Amino acid sequence: MSGDPDVLAYYKNKHSKKPLQISNLNFCEQVDAGLTFNKKGLQDSFMFDIKTRKTIMGRSDSASFGDSYVPMN
C-alpha cells in the first residue's frame, strides 16, 4: 500500500500483499454512489463505482463507509 490518497489499489483478499490493480484517481471521469442491484447477496449492500480508464465497482457494508471512498460534494 502506498498510502497515496490519489491512488486506489485493490487486492484479491485482505491477506494479499500485491494489488490486483492500481488506479490513479486523478484521472477519475465519473463517480456514482447509491447504486442498487437485484443480484442475490447484493440487495442490502451499498454499491458505488469509480470510472477512470476502467470502471471500478465497489461495495461497502454501510453508506458511511462507502462515502469514505466516494465523497459527495
N, C-alpha and C. Protein backbone atom coordinates (compact mmCIF):
# COMPACT_ATOMS: atom_id res chain seq x y z
N MET A 1 0.83 -1.18 0.00
CA MET A 1 0.00 0.00 0.00
C MET A 1 0.87 1.24 0.00
N SER A 2 0.52 2.16 -0.87
CA SER A 2 1.34 3.36 -0.97
C SER A 2 0.94 4.42 0.04
N GLY A 3 -0.31 4.43 0.46
CA GLY A 3 -0.79 5.48 1.35
C GLY A 3 -1.14 6.76 0.61
N ASP A 4 -0.97 6.79 -0.69
CA ASP A 4 -1.28 7.95 -1.52
C ASP A 4 -2.81 8.07 -1.65
N PRO A 5 -3.41 9.20 -1.22
CA PRO A 5 -4.87 9.34 -1.29
C PRO A 5 -5.40 9.45 -2.72
N ASP A 6 -4.54 9.69 -3.70
CA ASP A 6 -4.97 9.79 -5.08
C ASP A 6 -4.86 8.47 -5.83
N VAL A 7 -4.57 7.39 -5.11
CA VAL A 7 -4.41 6.08 -5.73
C VAL A 7 -5.35 5.09 -5.05
N LEU A 8 -6.07 4.33 -5.86
CA LEU A 8 -6.92 3.27 -5.35
C LEU A 8 -6.30 1.94 -5.75
N ALA A 9 -5.93 1.16 -4.76
CA ALA A 9 -5.37 -0.17 -5.01
C ALA A 9 -6.33 -1.19 -4.45
N TYR A 10 -6.60 -2.25 -5.21
CA TYR A 10 -7.46 -3.28 -4.66
C TYR A 10 -6.81 -4.64 -4.80
N TYR A 11 -7.16 -5.49 -3.85
CA TYR A 11 -6.48 -6.75 -3.64
C TYR A 11 -7.45 -7.92 -3.74
N LYS A 12 -6.92 -9.10 -3.98
CA LYS A 12 -7.74 -10.30 -4.06
C LYS A 12 -8.44 -10.57 -2.74
N ASN A 13 -7.74 -10.39 -1.63
CA ASN A 13 -8.32 -10.53 -0.30
C ASN A 13 -7.47 -9.74 0.69
N LYS A 14 -7.89 -9.70 1.94
CA LYS A 14 -7.19 -8.86 2.92
C LYS A 14 -5.81 -9.37 3.28
N HIS A 15 -5.47 -10.58 2.86
CA HIS A 15 -4.15 -11.13 3.16
C HIS A 15 -3.15 -10.95 2.00
N SER A 16 -3.64 -10.49 0.85
CA SER A 16 -2.78 -10.30 -0.32
C SER A 16 -1.79 -9.17 -0.07
N LYS A 17 -0.57 -9.37 -0.51
CA LYS A 17 0.47 -8.34 -0.35
C LYS A 17 0.59 -7.47 -1.60
N LYS A 18 0.26 -8.02 -2.76
CA LYS A 18 0.39 -7.30 -4.03
C LYS A 18 -1.01 -7.00 -4.59
N PRO A 19 -1.26 -5.75 -4.99
CA PRO A 19 -2.59 -5.41 -5.52
C PRO A 19 -2.84 -6.04 -6.88
N LEU A 20 -4.11 -6.33 -7.15
CA LEU A 20 -4.51 -6.80 -8.47
C LEU A 20 -4.49 -5.67 -9.48
N GLN A 21 -4.86 -4.48 -9.03
CA GLN A 21 -4.94 -3.31 -9.90
C GLN A 21 -4.70 -2.06 -9.09
N ILE A 22 -4.12 -1.07 -9.70
CA ILE A 22 -3.93 0.24 -9.09
C ILE A 22 -4.48 1.28 -10.06
N SER A 23 -5.34 2.16 -9.56
CA SER A 23 -5.93 3.20 -10.40
C SER A 23 -5.58 4.57 -9.84
N ASN A 24 -5.17 5.46 -10.72
CA ASN A 24 -4.86 6.83 -10.35
C ASN A 24 -6.16 7.63 -10.38
N LEU A 25 -6.61 8.09 -9.21
CA LEU A 25 -7.89 8.79 -9.12
C LEU A 25 -7.83 10.21 -9.68
N ASN A 26 -6.64 10.69 -10.03
CA ASN A 26 -6.54 11.99 -10.70
C ASN A 26 -7.16 11.95 -12.08
N PHE A 27 -7.34 10.73 -12.62
CA PHE A 27 -7.93 10.56 -13.94
C PHE A 27 -9.40 10.13 -13.85
N CYS A 28 -10.00 10.32 -12.69
CA CYS A 28 -11.40 9.95 -12.46
C CYS A 28 -12.30 10.79 -13.36
N GLU A 29 -13.17 10.13 -14.11
CA GLU A 29 -14.10 10.81 -15.00
C GLU A 29 -15.49 10.95 -14.38
N GLN A 30 -15.87 9.97 -13.56
CA GLN A 30 -17.22 9.97 -13.01
C GLN A 30 -17.27 9.08 -11.78
N VAL A 31 -18.11 9.46 -10.82
CA VAL A 31 -18.34 8.67 -9.61
C VAL A 31 -19.84 8.55 -9.41
N ASP A 32 -20.30 7.34 -9.16
CA ASP A 32 -21.72 7.09 -8.89
C ASP A 32 -21.84 6.38 -7.56
N ALA A 33 -22.73 6.86 -6.70
CA ALA A 33 -22.97 6.23 -5.41
C ALA A 33 -24.45 5.90 -5.29
N GLY A 34 -24.77 5.00 -4.38
CA GLY A 34 -26.16 4.63 -4.16
C GLY A 34 -26.71 3.72 -5.23
N LEU A 35 -25.86 2.97 -5.91
CA LEU A 35 -26.30 2.04 -6.94
C LEU A 35 -26.99 0.85 -6.29
N THR A 36 -27.95 0.26 -6.99
CA THR A 36 -28.64 -0.92 -6.47
C THR A 36 -28.56 -2.05 -7.49
N PHE A 37 -28.55 -3.26 -6.98
CA PHE A 37 -28.51 -4.45 -7.81
C PHE A 37 -29.52 -5.45 -7.29
N ASN A 38 -30.10 -6.22 -8.17
CA ASN A 38 -31.05 -7.24 -7.78
C ASN A 38 -30.39 -8.60 -7.58
N LYS A 39 -29.10 -8.68 -7.80
CA LYS A 39 -28.39 -9.95 -7.65
C LYS A 39 -28.40 -10.42 -6.20
N LYS A 40 -28.64 -11.70 -6.00
CA LYS A 40 -28.68 -12.26 -4.65
C LYS A 40 -27.35 -11.97 -3.94
N GLY A 41 -27.45 -11.51 -2.71
CA GLY A 41 -26.27 -11.19 -1.92
C GLY A 41 -25.84 -9.74 -2.03
N LEU A 42 -26.40 -9.00 -2.97
CA LEU A 42 -26.02 -7.59 -3.13
C LEU A 42 -27.17 -6.63 -2.81
N GLN A 43 -28.36 -7.16 -2.50
CA GLN A 43 -29.52 -6.30 -2.28
C GLN A 43 -29.31 -5.32 -1.13
N ASP A 44 -28.68 -5.73 -0.06
CA ASP A 44 -28.52 -4.86 1.11
C ASP A 44 -27.15 -4.19 1.16
N SER A 45 -26.42 -4.23 0.07
CA SER A 45 -25.09 -3.63 0.03
C SER A 45 -25.18 -2.19 -0.46
N PHE A 46 -24.20 -1.42 -0.11
CA PHE A 46 -24.08 -0.05 -0.58
C PHE A 46 -23.04 -0.04 -1.70
N MET A 47 -23.52 0.13 -2.92
CA MET A 47 -22.68 0.00 -4.10
C MET A 47 -22.28 1.37 -4.64
N PHE A 48 -21.10 1.41 -5.24
CA PHE A 48 -20.63 2.63 -5.90
C PHE A 48 -19.72 2.24 -7.05
N ASP A 49 -19.49 3.15 -7.96
CA ASP A 49 -18.49 2.91 -9.00
C ASP A 49 -17.65 4.16 -9.20
N ILE A 50 -16.44 3.92 -9.68
CA ILE A 50 -15.49 4.98 -9.99
C ILE A 50 -15.01 4.71 -11.41
N LYS A 51 -15.21 5.68 -12.30
CA LYS A 51 -14.83 5.49 -13.70
C LYS A 51 -13.56 6.27 -14.00
N THR A 52 -12.52 5.54 -14.36
CA THR A 52 -11.28 6.11 -14.88
C THR A 52 -11.17 5.54 -16.30
N ARG A 53 -10.05 4.99 -16.68
CA ARG A 53 -9.99 4.27 -17.97
C ARG A 53 -10.87 3.04 -17.90
N LYS A 54 -11.02 2.49 -16.71
CA LYS A 54 -11.88 1.33 -16.46
C LYS A 54 -12.91 1.73 -15.41
N THR A 55 -13.95 0.94 -15.29
CA THR A 55 -14.95 1.16 -14.25
C THR A 55 -14.65 0.22 -13.10
N ILE A 56 -14.52 0.79 -11.92
CA ILE A 56 -14.25 0.02 -10.71
C ILE A 56 -15.53 0.00 -9.89
N MET A 57 -16.06 -1.19 -9.64
CA MET A 57 -17.25 -1.33 -8.82
C MET A 57 -16.82 -1.61 -7.39
N GLY A 58 -17.48 -0.97 -6.44
CA GLY A 58 -17.16 -1.17 -5.03
C GLY A 58 -18.41 -1.47 -4.23
N ARG A 59 -18.21 -2.14 -3.11
CA ARG A 59 -19.32 -2.48 -2.23
C ARG A 59 -18.86 -2.25 -0.80
N SER A 60 -19.72 -1.65 0.00
CA SER A 60 -19.39 -1.46 1.40
C SER A 60 -20.55 -1.96 2.27
N ASP A 61 -20.27 -2.15 3.53
CA ASP A 61 -21.28 -2.64 4.46
C ASP A 61 -22.21 -1.55 4.97
N SER A 62 -21.80 -0.30 4.82
CA SER A 62 -22.63 0.81 5.27
C SER A 62 -22.47 1.99 4.32
N ALA A 63 -23.47 2.86 4.30
CA ALA A 63 -23.40 4.04 3.43
C ALA A 63 -22.25 4.94 3.84
N SER A 64 -22.03 5.09 5.15
CA SER A 64 -20.97 5.98 5.60
C SER A 64 -19.59 5.46 5.21
N PHE A 65 -19.40 4.13 5.24
CA PHE A 65 -18.11 3.57 4.83
C PHE A 65 -17.92 3.75 3.33
N GLY A 66 -18.97 3.55 2.56
CA GLY A 66 -18.89 3.79 1.12
C GLY A 66 -18.61 5.23 0.80
N ASP A 67 -19.18 6.15 1.57
CA ASP A 67 -18.95 7.57 1.35
C ASP A 67 -17.50 7.96 1.61
N SER A 68 -16.78 7.17 2.41
CA SER A 68 -15.37 7.47 2.62
C SER A 68 -14.56 7.22 1.34
N TYR A 69 -15.08 6.36 0.46
CA TYR A 69 -14.45 6.15 -0.85
C TYR A 69 -14.99 7.14 -1.88
N VAL A 70 -16.26 7.49 -1.74
CA VAL A 70 -16.94 8.33 -2.71
C VAL A 70 -17.48 9.55 -2.01
N PRO A 71 -16.66 10.59 -1.81
CA PRO A 71 -17.15 11.78 -1.13
C PRO A 71 -18.19 12.50 -1.98
N MET A 72 -19.28 12.86 -1.36
CA MET A 72 -20.35 13.55 -2.07
C MET A 72 -20.22 15.05 -1.80
N ASN A 73 -19.73 15.80 -2.80
CA ASN A 73 -19.54 17.25 -2.65
C ASN A 73 -20.72 18.00 -3.20
